[in-house]
Amino acid sequence: MEPSVTLQNVLRCIADGVRNGEFRVVLFGGFALPYFGVERLTMDVDFMITENDFEPFAAQMRDLGYQLGLRTPQFARFICKISGNNPPDVDTVFVDPPVMDAIWAEATVKTESEIALPVASLKIMLGTKLHALKYNRENRRQRYDLADITGMLQAAGVDPKGAWFKEICERYGSMELWDMICQQMK
């Protein structure tokens, strides 16, 4: 009989790997949104990781019954192939070590159902959404990313016209996106 793979089990094993110093990952994307006041259904779990931490992380995923489904220089996707289960895909986005150090320093460990994982900061969450919009303007996900950004800003009480958010837009997105978000939040 094949082992049961659940979302809880996957997240617990990843959290254990982080806690034990086997690898560093930071949760971001749709599964991190509730920590910023936004609820949205998502079909995968996203982590930032360095190339150096990838092999120990990949070994952990293989032990859970996942297979590497796609690998590019920027991204990897793990897919669970155990029959009868439907746990989410686990995606990793590769970041350079100095970038990861900065993201790690800003991350906050959040605990849900006794599972403690580092979660990206609001700035990084907004930056990843802005980056996706900037480079994937024709992406079918645009409406979700815009709604995620405005939802996070509203939940955090951030004025989109303020200098803090404008600077994030200049760095990760564009002034066109900043204007669009400001208009949308009027």
C-alpha atoms as a PDB file:
ATOM      1  CA  MET A   1       0.000   0.000   0.000  1.00  0.00           C
ATOM      2  CA  GLU A   2       1.308   3.442  -0.954  1.00  0.00           C
ATOM      3  CA  PRO A   3       1.718   6.075   1.751  1.00  0.00           C
ATOM      4  CA  SER A   4      -0.868   8.814   2.128  1.00  0.00           C
ATOM      5  CA  VAL A   5       0.374  12.227   1.102  1.00  0.00           C
ATOM      6  CA  THR A   6      -1.563  15.164   2.474  1.00  0.00           C
ATOM      7  CA  LEU A   7      -0.925  18.885   2.335  1.00  0.00           C
ATOM      8  CA  GLN A   8      -0.405  18.876   6.114  1.00  0.00           C
ATOM      9  CA  ASN A   9       2.186  16.102   5.846  1.00  0.00           C
ATOM     10  CA  VAL A  10       4.043  17.848   3.010  1.00  0.00           C
ATOM     11  CA  LEU A  11       4.174  21.198   4.840  1.00  0.00           C
ATOM     12  CA  ARG A  12       5.182  19.520   8.106  1.00  0.00           C
ATOM     13  CA  CYS A  13       8.087  17.706   6.399  1.00  0.00           C
ATOM     14  CA  ILE A  14       9.261  20.896   4.702  1.00  0.00           C
ATOM     15  CA  ALA A  15       8.999  22.794   8.000  1.00  0.00           C
ATOM     16  CA  ASP A  16      11.028  20.036   9.693  1.00  0.00           C
ATOM     17  CA  GLY A  17      13.716  20.343   6.994  1.00  0.00           C
ATOM     18  CA  VAL A  18      13.941  24.100   7.600  1.00  0.00           C
ATOM     19  CA  ARG A  19      13.971  23.706  11.387  1.00  0.00           C
ATOM     20  CA  ASN A  20      16.681  21.026  11.181  1.00  0.00           C
ATOM     21  CA  GLY A  21      18.876  23.205   8.964  1.00  0.00           C
ATOM     22  CA  GLU A  22      18.707  20.860   5.961  1.00  0.00           C
ATOM     23  CA  PHE A  23      17.662  23.706   3.637  1.00  0.00           C
ATOM     24  CA  ARG A  24      16.187  27.199   3.663  1.00  0.00           C
ATOM     25  CA  VAL A  25      12.912  27.971   1.910  1.00  0.00           C
ATOM     26  CA  VAL A  26      10.476  30.859   2.239  1.00  0.00           C
ATOM     27  CA  LEU A  27       6.767  30.411   1.556  1.00  0.00           C
ATOM     28  CA  PHE A  28       5.190  32.936  -0.809  1.00  0.00           C
ATOM     29  CA  GLY A  29       2.387  33.015  -3.369  1.00  0.00           C
ATOM     30  CA  GLY A  30      -1.187  31.863  -2.875  1.00  0.00           C
ATOM     31  CA  PHE A  31      -0.628  29.748   0.242  1.00  0.00           C
ATOM     32  CA  ALA A  32       0.997  32.739   1.970  1.00  0.00           C
ATOM     33  CA  LEU A  33      -1.836  35.162   1.122  1.00  0.00           C
ATOM     34  CA  PRO A  34      -3.987  34.386   4.199  1.00  0.00           C
ATOM     35  CA  TYR A  35      -1.162  35.697   6.410  1.00  0.00           C
ATOM     36  CA  PHE A  36      -1.725  39.039   4.655  1.00  0.00           C
ATOM     37  CA  GLY A  37      -5.508  39.097   4.914  1.00  0.00           C
ATOM     38  CA  VAL A  38      -6.324  37.662   1.474  1.00  0.00           C
ATOM     39  CA  GLU A  39      -8.106  34.368   0.891  1.00  0.00           C
ATOM     40  CA  ARG A  40      -7.828  32.735  -2.519  1.00  0.00           C
ATOM     41  CA  LEU A  41      -7.928  29.155  -3.735  1.00  0.00           C
ATOM     42  CA  THR A  42      -4.612  28.052  -5.169  1.00  0.00           C
ATOM     43  CA  MET A  43      -3.487  24.798  -6.718  1.00  0.00           C
ATOM     44  CA  ASP A  44       0.186  24.821  -5.715  1.00  0.00           C
ATOM     45  CA  VAL A  45       2.528  25.764  -2.900  1.00  0.00           C
ATOM     46  CA  ASP A  46       5.340  28.187  -3.766  1.00  0.00           C
ATOM     47  CA  PHE A  47       8.734  28.465  -2.100  1.00  0.00           C
ATOM     48  CA  MET A  48      11.804  30.592  -2.753  1.00  0.00           C
ATOM     49  CA  ILE A  49      15.052  28.639  -2.540  1.00  0.00           C
ATOM     50  CA  THR A  50      18.700  28.878  -3.558  1.00  0.00           C
ATOM     51  CA  GLU A  51      20.365  26.452  -5.938  1.00  0.00           C
ATOM     52  CA  ASN A  52      22.571  25.274  -3.028  1.00  0.00           C
ATOM     53  CA  ASP A  53      19.511  24.226  -1.001  1.00  0.00           C
ATOM     54  CA  PHE A  54      17.708  22.594  -3.907  1.00  0.00           C
ATOM     55  CA  GLU A  55      19.123  19.050  -3.750  1.00  0.00           C
ATOM     56  CA  PRO A  56      18.327  18.471  -0.047  1.00  0.00           C
ATOM     57  CA  PHE A  57      14.856  19.927  -0.674  1.00  0.00           C
ATOM     58  CA  ALA A  58      14.399  17.708  -3.760  1.00  0.00           C
ATOM     59  CA  ALA A  59      15.418  14.656  -1.719  1.00  0.00           C
ATOM     60  CA  GLN A  60      12.776  15.548   0.861  1.00  0.00           C
ATOM     61  CA  MET A  61      10.184  15.848  -1.910  1.00  0.00           C
ATOM     62  CA  ARG A  62      11.177  12.464  -3.387  1.00  0.00           C
ATOM     63  CA  ASP A  63      10.832  10.883   0.068  1.00  0.00           C
ATOM     64  CA  LEU A  64       7.267  12.250   0.146  1.00  0.00           C
ATOM     65  CA  GLY A  65       6.399  10.646  -3.191  1.00  0.00           C
ATOM     66  CA  TYR A  66       6.923  13.674  -5.407  1.00  0.00           C
ATOM     67  CA  GLN A  67       8.730  13.680  -8.737  1.00  0.00           C
ATOM     68  CA  LEU A  68      10.471  16.567 -10.430  1.00  0.00           C
ATOM     69  CA  GLY A  69       8.050  17.515 -13.183  1.00  0.00           C
ATOM     70  CA  LEU A  70       9.794  20.569 -14.617  1.00  0.00           C
ATOM     71  CA  ARG A  71      13.142  22.240 -14.082  1.00  0.00           C
ATOM     72  CA  THR A  72      14.425  25.473 -15.601  1.00  0.00           C
ATOM     73  CA  PRO A  73      17.243  27.757 -14.414  1.00  0.00           C
ATOM     74  CA  GLN A  74      14.640  29.877 -12.585  1.00  0.00           C
ATOM     75  CA  PHE A  75      12.020  27.381 -11.487  1.00  0.00           C
ATOM     76  CA  ALA A  76      11.237  23.779 -10.524  1.00  0.00           C
ATOM     77  CA  ARG A  77       7.916  21.995 -10.044  1.00  0.00           C
ATOM     78  CA  PHE A  78       7.357  18.849  -8.017  1.00  0.00           C
ATOM     79  CA  ILE A  79       4.319  16.702  -8.756  1.00  0.00           C
ATOM     80  CA  CYS A  80       2.983  13.939  -6.505  1.00  0.00           C
ATOM     81  CA  LYS A  81       2.449  10.711  -8.400  1.00  0.00           C
ATOM     82  CA  ILE A  82       1.008   8.560  -5.613  1.00  0.00           C
ATOM     83  CA  SER A  83      -2.348   7.254  -6.788  1.00  0.00           C
ATOM     84  CA  GLY A  84      -5.471   8.114  -4.870  1.00  0.00           C
ATOM     85  CA  ASN A  85      -4.021  11.326  -3.472  1.00  0.00           C
ATOM     86  CA  ASN A  86      -4.233  14.810  -4.829  1.00  0.00           C
ATOM     87  CA  PRO A  87      -1.799  16.957  -2.860  1.00  0.00           C
ATOM     88  CA  PRO A  88      -0.828  20.247  -4.504  1.00  0.00           C
ATOM     89  CA  ASP A  89       2.178  20.672  -6.734  1.00  0.00           C
ATOM     90  CA  VAL A  90       5.141  22.237  -4.963  1.00  0.00           C
ATOM     91  CA  ASP A  91       6.914  24.955  -6.933  1.00  0.00           C
ATOM     92  CA  THR A  92      10.304  26.465  -6.193  1.00  0.00           C
ATOM     93  CA  VAL A  93      11.651  29.731  -7.539  1.00  0.00           C
ATOM     94  CA  PHE A  94      15.416  30.046  -7.470  1.00  0.00           C
ATOM     95  CA  VAL A  95      16.985  33.167  -5.981  1.00  0.00           C
ATOM     96  CA  ASP A  96      20.645  34.066  -5.601  1.00  0.00           C
ATOM     97  CA  PRO A  97      22.161  33.541  -2.124  1.00  0.00           C
ATOM     98  CA  PRO A  98      22.464  37.272  -1.274  1.00  0.00           C
ATOM     99  CA  VAL A  99      18.844  37.806  -2.316  1.00  0.00           C
ATOM    100  CA  MET A 100      17.765  34.833  -0.213  1.00  0.00           C
ATOM    101  CA  ASP A 101      19.694  36.234   2.744  1.00  0.00           C
ATOM    102  CA  ALA A 102      17.686  39.470   2.471  1.00  0.00           C
ATOM    103  CA  ILE A 103      14.373  37.643   1.978  1.00  0.00           C
ATOM    104  CA  TRP A 104      15.185  35.313   4.890  1.00  0.00           C
ATOM    105  CA  ALA A 105      16.021  38.268   7.140  1.00  0.00           C
ATOM    106  CA  GLU A 106      12.628  39.874   6.409  1.00  0.00           C
ATOM    107  CA  ALA A 107      10.602  36.642   6.582  1.00  0.00           C
ATOM    108  CA  THR A 108       8.445  35.883   9.579  1.00  0.00           C
ATOM    109  CA  VAL A 109       7.861  32.376  10.856  1.00  0.00           C
ATOM    110  CA  LYS A 110       4.123  31.728  10.849  1.00  0.00           C
ATOM    111  CA  THR A 111       2.534  28.766  12.567  1.00  0.00           C
ATOM    112  CA  GLU A 112      -0.609  27.102  11.273  1.00  0.00           C
ATOM    113  CA  SER A 113      -1.831  23.774  12.677  1.00  0.00           C
ATOM    114  CA  GLU A 114       1.474  23.400  14.549  1.00  0.00           C
ATOM    115  CA  ILE A 115       3.460  23.780  11.303  1.00  0.00           C
ATOM    116  CA  ALA A 116       5.968  26.653  11.439  1.00  0.00           C
ATOM    117  CA  LEU A 117       7.228  27.973   8.098  1.00  0.00           C
ATOM    118  CA  PRO A 118       9.069  31.163   7.144  1.00  0.00           C
ATOM    119  CA  VAL A 119       6.714  33.396   5.152  1.00  0.00           C
ATOM    120  CA  ALA A 120       7.865  36.181   2.841  1.00  0.00           C
ATOM    121  CA  SER A 121       7.383  39.756   4.021  1.00  0.00           C
ATOM    122  CA  LEU A 122       4.617  41.999   2.674  1.00  0.00           C
ATOM    123  CA  LYS A 123       7.210  43.833   0.581  1.00  0.00           C
ATOM    124  CA  ILE A 124       8.410  40.593  -1.025  1.00  0.00           C
ATOM    125  CA  MET A 125       4.856  39.324  -1.543  1.00  0.00           C
ATOM    126  CA  LEU A 126       3.929  42.563  -3.302  1.00  0.00           C
ATOM    127  CA  GLY A 127       7.179  42.519  -5.265  1.00  0.00           C
ATOM    128  CA  THR A 128       6.581  39.004  -6.605  1.00  0.00           C
ATOM    129  CA  LYS A 129       3.053  39.902  -7.696  1.00  0.00           C
ATOM    130  CA  LEU A 130       4.265  43.108  -9.374  1.00  0.00           C
ATOM    131  CA  HIS A 131       7.081  41.227 -11.098  1.00  0.00           C
ATOM    132  CA  ALA A 132       4.589  38.659 -12.437  1.00  0.00           C
ATOM    133  CA  LEU A 133       2.373  41.437 -13.783  1.00  0.00           C
ATOM    134  CA  LYS A 134       5.272  43.314 -15.350  1.00  0.00           C
ATOM    135  CA  TYR A 135       6.684  40.334 -17.217  1.00  0.00           C
ATOM    136  CA  ASN A 136       3.476  38.420 -17.900  1.00  0.00           C
ATOM    137  CA  ARG A 137       1.023  41.120 -18.914  1.00  0.00           C
ATOM    138  CA  GLU A 138      -0.930  38.737 -21.152  1.00  0.00           C
ATOM    139  CA  ASN A 139      -1.026  36.180 -18.354  1.00  0.00           C
ATOM    140  CA  ARG A 140      -4.464  34.806 -17.538  1.00  0.00           C
ATOM    141  CA  ARG A 141      -3.604  35.342 -13.865  1.00  0.00           C
ATOM    142  CA  GLN A 142      -3.497  39.138 -14.122  1.00  0.00           C
ATOM    143  CA  ARG A 143      -6.888  39.571 -12.465  1.00  0.00           C
ATOM    144  CA  TYR A 144      -5.802  37.379  -9.531  1.00  0.00           C
ATOM    145  CA  ASP A 145      -2.471  39.127  -9.070  1.00  0.00           C
ATOM    146  CA  LEU A 146      -4.090  42.574  -9.111  1.00  0.00           C
ATOM    147  CA  ALA A 147      -6.747  41.452  -6.640  1.00  0.00           C
ATOM    148  CA  ASP A 148      -4.042  39.918  -4.420  1.00  0.00           C
ATOM    149  CA  ILE A 149      -2.066  43.185  -4.427  1.00  0.00           C
ATOM    150  CA  THR A 150      -5.046  45.397  -3.636  1.00  0.00           C
ATOM    151  CA  GLY A 151      -6.255  42.940  -0.987  1.00  0.00           C
ATOM    152  CA  MET A 152      -2.882  42.843   0.764  1.00  0.00           C
ATOM    153  CA  LEU A 153      -2.600  46.637   0.664  1.00  0.00           C
ATOM    154  CA  GLN A 154      -6.100  47.087   2.076  1.00  0.00           C
ATOM    155  CA  ALA A 155      -5.622  44.467   4.809  1.00  0.00           C
ATOM    156  CA  ALA A 156      -2.324  46.074   5.859  1.00  0.00           C
ATOM    157  CA  GLY A 157      -3.765  49.591   5.744  1.00  0.00           C
ATOM    158  CA  VAL A 158      -1.157  50.703   3.188  1.00  0.00           C
ATOM    159  CA  ASP A 159      -1.931  53.768   1.092  1.00  0.00           C
ATOM    160  CA  PRO A 160      -1.072  52.767  -2.490  1.00  0.00           C
ATOM    161  CA  LYS A 161      -0.150  56.389  -3.247  1.00  0.00           C
ATOM    162  CA  GLY A 162       2.384  56.468  -0.436  1.00  0.00           C
ATOM    163  CA  ALA A 163       6.139  56.508  -0.999  1.00  0.00           C
ATOM    164  CA  TRP A 164       6.680  52.962   0.382  1.00  0.00           C
ATOM    165  CA  PHE A 165       4.433  51.238  -2.152  1.00  0.00           C
ATOM    166  CA  LYS A 166       5.436  53.549  -4.996  1.00  0.00           C
ATOM    167  CA  GLU A 167       9.085  52.566  -4.435  1.00  0.00           C
ATOM    168  CA  ILE A 168       8.147  48.858  -4.518  1.00  0.00           C
ATOM    169  CA  CYS A 169       6.303  49.436  -7.805  1.00  0.00           C
ATOM    170  CA  GLU A 170       9.295  51.248  -9.288  1.00  0.00           C
ATOM    171  CA  ARG A 171      11.628  48.416  -8.243  1.00  0.00           C
ATOM    172  CA  TYR A 172       9.562  45.322  -9.091  1.00  0.00           C
ATOM    173  CA  GLY A 173       6.802  46.552 -11.391  1.00  0.00           C
ATOM    174  CA  SER A 174       6.286  49.774 -13.270  1.00  0.00           C
ATOM    175  CA  MET A 175       4.766  53.199 -12.829  1.00  0.00           C
ATOM    176  CA  GLU A 176       1.976  52.085 -15.156  1.00  0.00           C
ATOM    177  CA  LEU A 177       1.118  49.300 -12.711  1.00  0.00           C
ATOM    178  CA  TRP A 178       1.342  51.710  -9.774  1.00  0.00           C
ATOM    179  CA  ASP A 179      -1.111  54.048 -11.505  1.00  0.00           C
ATOM    180  CA  MET A 180      -3.467  51.150 -12.333  1.00  0.00           C
ATOM    181  CA  ILE A 181      -3.450  49.963  -8.712  1.00  0.00           C
ATOM    182  CA  CYS A 182      -3.992  53.486  -7.369  1.00  0.00           C
ATOM    183  CA  GLN A 183      -6.944  53.927  -9.740  1.00  0.00           C
ATOM    184  CA  GLN A 184      -8.390  50.568  -8.759  1.00  0.00           C
ATOM    185  CA  MET A 185      -8.200  51.407  -5.038  1.00  0.00           C
ATOM    186  CA  LYS A 186      -9.921  54.792  -5.228  1.00  0.00           C
END
